Amino acid sequence: MLRHGGGRVVYIGYAKYPVDYQTSIFVRKEIEILGSRNCLGEFPDVIAYLESGCFPVEDVISRTVSLDEAESALADWSANPGPITKIMVNFNPQQ
């Protein structure tokens, strides 16, 4: 779910089957569609940058939720996107 007035959908890799969507939604919401592949080469640099502490990760993550809470968190974000920058989904609740 993306807000009106802009947003970005990024397809990473290839889907096994065709993806159908209503183009009118992308036009009305002014959504960008981007594709990305073979970006694995940048991951080590990004991880090193994040581990260096130079980027204020805590400042951009508005909320951390479990996988079970993700649907509700995204619905909250859709209903009131203003105060939320990023939602991090923790796939390992033991951490």
N, C-alpha and C. Protein backbone atom coordinates (compact mmCIF):
# COMPACT_ATOMS: atom_id res chain seq x y z
N MET A 1 0.84 -1.17 0.00
CA MET A 1 0.00 0.00 0.00
C MET A 1 0.89 1.23 0.00
N LEU A 2 0.70 2.08 -0.97
CA LEU A 2 1.46 3.32 -1.05
C LEU A 2 0.51 4.50 -0.93
N ARG A 3 1.03 5.55 -0.39
CA ARG A 3 0.22 6.75 -0.19
C ARG A 3 0.04 7.49 -1.51
N HIS A 4 -0.91 8.39 -1.53
CA HIS A 4 -1.09 9.27 -2.69
C HIS A 4 0.03 10.30 -2.67
N GLY A 5 0.39 10.80 -3.82
CA GLY A 5 1.41 11.84 -3.90
C GLY A 5 2.81 11.30 -4.01
N GLY A 6 2.95 10.06 -4.39
CA GLY A 6 4.29 9.53 -4.64
C GLY A 6 4.61 8.33 -3.79
N GLY A 7 5.41 7.49 -4.34
CA GLY A 7 5.86 6.28 -3.68
C GLY A 7 6.67 5.51 -4.69
N ARG A 8 7.27 4.43 -4.24
CA ARG A 8 8.15 3.67 -5.13
C ARG A 8 7.93 2.19 -4.89
N VAL A 9 7.79 1.45 -5.99
CA VAL A 9 7.73 0.00 -5.95
C VAL A 9 8.98 -0.50 -6.66
N VAL A 10 9.73 -1.36 -6.00
CA VAL A 10 10.96 -1.89 -6.59
C VAL A 10 10.81 -3.40 -6.74
N TYR A 11 10.94 -3.86 -7.96
CA TYR A 11 10.95 -5.29 -8.23
C TYR A 11 12.41 -5.74 -8.19
N ILE A 12 12.70 -6.69 -7.31
CA ILE A 12 14.06 -7.21 -7.20
C ILE A 12 14.04 -8.65 -7.70
N GLY A 13 14.81 -8.90 -8.74
CA GLY A 13 14.83 -10.23 -9.33
C GLY A 13 13.66 -10.41 -10.28
N TYR A 14 13.41 -11.65 -10.61
CA TYR A 14 12.38 -11.97 -11.59
C TYR A 14 11.26 -12.78 -10.95
N ALA A 15 10.03 -12.48 -11.35
CA ALA A 15 8.89 -13.27 -10.89
C ALA A 15 8.77 -14.51 -11.77
N LYS A 16 8.28 -15.58 -11.20
CA LYS A 16 8.10 -16.81 -11.97
C LYS A 16 6.92 -16.70 -12.93
N TYR A 17 5.96 -15.83 -12.57
CA TYR A 17 4.75 -15.69 -13.37
C TYR A 17 4.52 -14.21 -13.67
N PRO A 18 3.74 -13.89 -14.69
CA PRO A 18 3.43 -12.48 -14.98
C PRO A 18 2.77 -11.80 -13.78
N VAL A 19 3.06 -10.52 -13.62
CA VAL A 19 2.48 -9.72 -12.54
C VAL A 19 1.48 -8.77 -13.17
N ASP A 20 0.22 -8.84 -12.72
CA ASP A 20 -0.83 -7.97 -13.25
C ASP A 20 -1.19 -6.91 -12.22
N TYR A 21 -1.42 -5.70 -12.69
CA TYR A 21 -1.89 -4.63 -11.81
C TYR A 21 -2.59 -3.59 -12.66
N GLN A 22 -3.41 -2.79 -11.99
CA GLN A 22 -4.14 -1.72 -12.66
C GLN A 22 -3.22 -0.51 -12.82
N THR A 23 -2.93 -0.13 -14.02
CA THR A 23 -2.04 1.02 -14.25
C THR A 23 -2.63 2.31 -13.71
N SER A 24 -3.95 2.39 -13.63
CA SER A 24 -4.58 3.61 -13.12
C SER A 24 -4.15 3.91 -11.69
N ILE A 25 -3.90 2.87 -10.89
CA ILE A 25 -3.45 3.07 -9.51
C ILE A 25 -2.10 3.76 -9.50
N PHE A 26 -1.19 3.34 -10.37
CA PHE A 26 0.14 3.95 -10.42
C PHE A 26 0.07 5.41 -10.89
N VAL A 27 -0.84 5.68 -11.81
CA VAL A 27 -0.98 7.05 -12.30
C VAL A 27 -1.59 7.95 -11.23
N ARG A 28 -2.70 7.49 -10.63
CA ARG A 28 -3.37 8.30 -9.61
C ARG A 28 -2.49 8.57 -8.39
N LYS A 29 -1.72 7.58 -7.97
CA LYS A 29 -0.89 7.74 -6.79
C LYS A 29 0.51 8.26 -7.11
N GLU A 30 0.79 8.47 -8.40
CA GLU A 30 2.10 8.98 -8.84
C GLU A 30 3.24 8.09 -8.34
N ILE A 31 3.09 6.80 -8.59
CA ILE A 31 4.03 5.80 -8.10
C ILE A 31 5.11 5.54 -9.15
N GLU A 32 6.35 5.40 -8.69
CA GLU A 32 7.46 5.01 -9.54
C GLU A 32 7.59 3.50 -9.50
N ILE A 33 7.89 2.90 -10.64
CA ILE A 33 8.16 1.47 -10.71
C ILE A 33 9.61 1.31 -11.14
N LEU A 34 10.39 0.60 -10.33
CA LEU A 34 11.80 0.39 -10.64
C LEU A 34 12.10 -1.10 -10.64
N GLY A 35 13.11 -1.48 -11.38
CA GLY A 35 13.57 -2.86 -11.37
C GLY A 35 15.02 -2.91 -10.95
N SER A 36 15.41 -3.99 -10.31
CA SER A 36 16.78 -4.14 -9.86
C SER A 36 17.19 -5.60 -10.02
N ARG A 37 18.40 -5.81 -10.50
CA ARG A 37 18.93 -7.17 -10.59
C ARG A 37 20.45 -7.10 -10.44
N ASN A 38 21.02 -8.19 -10.09
CA ASN A 38 22.47 -8.29 -9.94
C ASN A 38 23.04 -7.21 -9.04
N CYS A 39 22.33 -6.86 -7.99
CA CYS A 39 22.82 -5.84 -7.07
C CYS A 39 23.60 -6.45 -5.91
N LEU A 40 23.83 -7.75 -5.96
CA LEU A 40 24.52 -8.41 -4.86
C LEU A 40 25.91 -7.83 -4.62
N GLY A 41 26.53 -7.28 -5.64
CA GLY A 41 27.87 -6.71 -5.49
C GLY A 41 27.91 -5.53 -4.54
N GLU A 42 26.79 -4.80 -4.41
CA GLU A 42 26.74 -3.64 -3.52
C GLU A 42 26.45 -4.01 -2.08
N PHE A 43 25.89 -5.18 -1.83
CA PHE A 43 25.50 -5.54 -0.47
C PHE A 43 26.65 -5.49 0.53
N PRO A 44 27.84 -6.03 0.22
CA PRO A 44 28.92 -5.94 1.20
C PRO A 44 29.28 -4.50 1.57
N ASP A 45 29.26 -3.58 0.60
CA ASP A 45 29.55 -2.18 0.89
C ASP A 45 28.46 -1.56 1.76
N VAL A 46 27.21 -1.87 1.46
CA VAL A 46 26.10 -1.33 2.25
C VAL A 46 26.16 -1.86 3.67
N ILE A 47 26.41 -3.16 3.81
CA ILE A 47 26.49 -3.76 5.15
C ILE A 47 27.64 -3.15 5.93
N ALA A 48 28.80 -2.98 5.28
CA ALA A 48 29.95 -2.37 5.97
C ALA A 48 29.63 -0.94 6.40
N TYR A 49 28.94 -0.20 5.55
CA TYR A 49 28.58 1.17 5.89
C TYR A 49 27.64 1.21 7.10
N LEU A 50 26.65 0.33 7.11
CA LEU A 50 25.73 0.27 8.24
C LEU A 50 26.46 -0.16 9.51
N GLU A 51 27.35 -1.14 9.40
CA GLU A 51 28.09 -1.61 10.57
C GLU A 51 29.06 -0.56 11.10
N SER A 52 29.49 0.37 10.24
CA SER A 52 30.44 1.40 10.67
C SER A 52 29.82 2.40 11.63
N GLY A 53 28.49 2.45 11.66
CA GLY A 53 27.81 3.40 12.54
C GLY A 53 27.68 4.80 11.96
N CYS A 54 28.10 5.00 10.72
CA CYS A 54 28.03 6.32 10.08
C CYS A 54 26.61 6.72 9.71
N PHE A 55 25.75 5.74 9.51
CA PHE A 55 24.37 6.03 9.14
C PHE A 55 23.48 5.86 10.37
N PRO A 56 22.63 6.84 10.66
CA PRO A 56 21.79 6.78 11.87
C PRO A 56 20.58 5.85 11.70
N VAL A 57 20.82 4.56 11.71
CA VAL A 57 19.76 3.57 11.48
C VAL A 57 18.59 3.78 12.43
N GLU A 58 18.88 3.97 13.69
CA GLU A 58 17.82 4.12 14.69
C GLU A 58 16.93 5.33 14.41
N ASP A 59 17.49 6.35 13.77
CA ASP A 59 16.72 7.56 13.48
C ASP A 59 15.71 7.37 12.35
N VAL A 60 15.95 6.40 11.47
CA VAL A 60 15.05 6.23 10.33
C VAL A 60 14.05 5.09 10.53
N ILE A 61 14.29 4.22 11.50
CA ILE A 61 13.34 3.14 11.77
C ILE A 61 12.34 3.64 12.80
N SER A 62 11.10 3.81 12.35
CA SER A 62 10.04 4.33 13.22
C SER A 62 9.46 3.26 14.12
N ARG A 63 9.50 2.01 13.64
CA ARG A 63 8.82 0.95 14.37
C ARG A 63 9.43 -0.39 14.00
N THR A 64 9.61 -1.26 14.96
CA THR A 64 10.08 -2.63 14.72
C THR A 64 8.97 -3.58 15.16
N VAL A 65 8.62 -4.50 14.26
CA VAL A 65 7.52 -5.43 14.53
C VAL A 65 7.94 -6.85 14.18
N SER A 66 7.22 -7.82 14.73
CA SER A 66 7.42 -9.21 14.35
C SER A 66 6.70 -9.46 13.03
N LEU A 67 6.98 -10.60 12.43
CA LEU A 67 6.29 -10.96 11.19
C LEU A 67 4.78 -11.03 11.40
N ASP A 68 4.36 -11.52 12.56
CA ASP A 68 2.92 -11.61 12.86
C ASP A 68 2.27 -10.23 12.95
N GLU A 69 3.03 -9.22 13.31
CA GLU A 69 2.50 -7.86 13.47
C GLU A 69 2.62 -7.03 12.19
N ALA A 70 3.30 -7.56 11.18
CA ALA A 70 3.61 -6.77 9.98
C ALA A 70 2.37 -6.28 9.26
N GLU A 71 1.37 -7.13 9.09
CA GLU A 71 0.17 -6.71 8.36
C GLU A 71 -0.51 -5.53 9.05
N SER A 72 -0.65 -5.62 10.35
CA SER A 72 -1.27 -4.54 11.12
C SER A 72 -0.43 -3.26 11.05
N ALA A 73 0.89 -3.41 11.15
CA ALA A 73 1.77 -2.25 11.10
C ALA A 73 1.68 -1.55 9.74
N LEU A 74 1.61 -2.32 8.67
CA LEU A 74 1.49 -1.72 7.34
C LEU A 74 0.14 -1.05 7.16
N ALA A 75 -0.90 -1.62 7.73
CA ALA A 75 -2.23 -0.98 7.68
C ALA A 75 -2.21 0.33 8.45
N ASP A 76 -1.56 0.36 9.62
CA ASP A 76 -1.42 1.60 10.39
C ASP A 76 -0.67 2.65 9.58
N TRP A 77 0.40 2.20 8.92
CA TRP A 77 1.22 3.11 8.10
C TRP A 77 0.39 3.68 6.96
N SER A 78 -0.42 2.83 6.33
CA SER A 78 -1.26 3.29 5.22
C SER A 78 -2.28 4.32 5.70
N ALA A 79 -2.84 4.09 6.87
CA ALA A 79 -3.86 4.99 7.40
C ALA A 79 -3.27 6.31 7.90
N ASN A 80 -2.03 6.29 8.36
CA ASN A 80 -1.42 7.49 8.93
C ASN A 80 0.08 7.49 8.63
N PRO A 81 0.47 7.75 7.37
CA PRO A 81 1.87 7.61 6.98
C PRO A 81 2.79 8.71 7.50
N GLY A 82 2.26 9.83 7.90
CA GLY A 82 3.09 10.97 8.27
C GLY A 82 4.20 10.70 9.26
N PRO A 83 3.89 10.11 10.42
CA PRO A 83 4.93 9.94 11.44
C PRO A 83 5.84 8.73 11.22
N ILE A 84 5.59 7.94 10.19
CA ILE A 84 6.36 6.70 10.00
C ILE A 84 7.32 6.86 8.83
N THR A 85 8.60 6.59 9.11
CA THR A 85 9.62 6.63 8.06
C THR A 85 9.86 5.23 7.52
N LYS A 86 10.22 4.31 8.40
CA LYS A 86 10.48 2.92 8.02
C LYS A 86 9.94 1.99 9.10
N ILE A 87 9.43 0.86 8.65
CA ILE A 87 9.02 -0.20 9.55
C ILE A 87 9.96 -1.37 9.31
N MET A 88 10.62 -1.83 10.37
CA MET A 88 11.51 -2.97 10.26
C MET A 88 10.77 -4.20 10.75
N VAL A 89 10.76 -5.24 9.91
CA VAL A 89 10.13 -6.50 10.29
C VAL A 89 11.22 -7.45 10.77
N ASN A 90 11.12 -7.86 12.04
CA ASN A 90 12.09 -8.77 12.64
C ASN A 90 11.62 -10.19 12.39
N PHE A 91 12.37 -10.91 11.56
CA PHE A 91 12.02 -12.29 11.22
C PHE A 91 12.54 -13.29 12.25
N ASN A 92 13.31 -12.81 13.21
CA ASN A 92 13.86 -13.67 14.25
C ASN A 92 13.49 -13.10 15.60
N PRO A 93 12.31 -13.39 16.11
CA PRO A 93 11.84 -12.77 17.34
C PRO A 93 12.67 -13.11 18.57
N GLN A 94 13.56 -14.10 18.50
CA GLN A 94 14.40 -14.43 19.65
C GLN A 94 15.49 -13.38 19.86
N GLN A 95 15.70 -12.52 18.89
CA GLN A 95 16.74 -11.48 19.02
C GLN A 95 16.16 -10.22 19.57
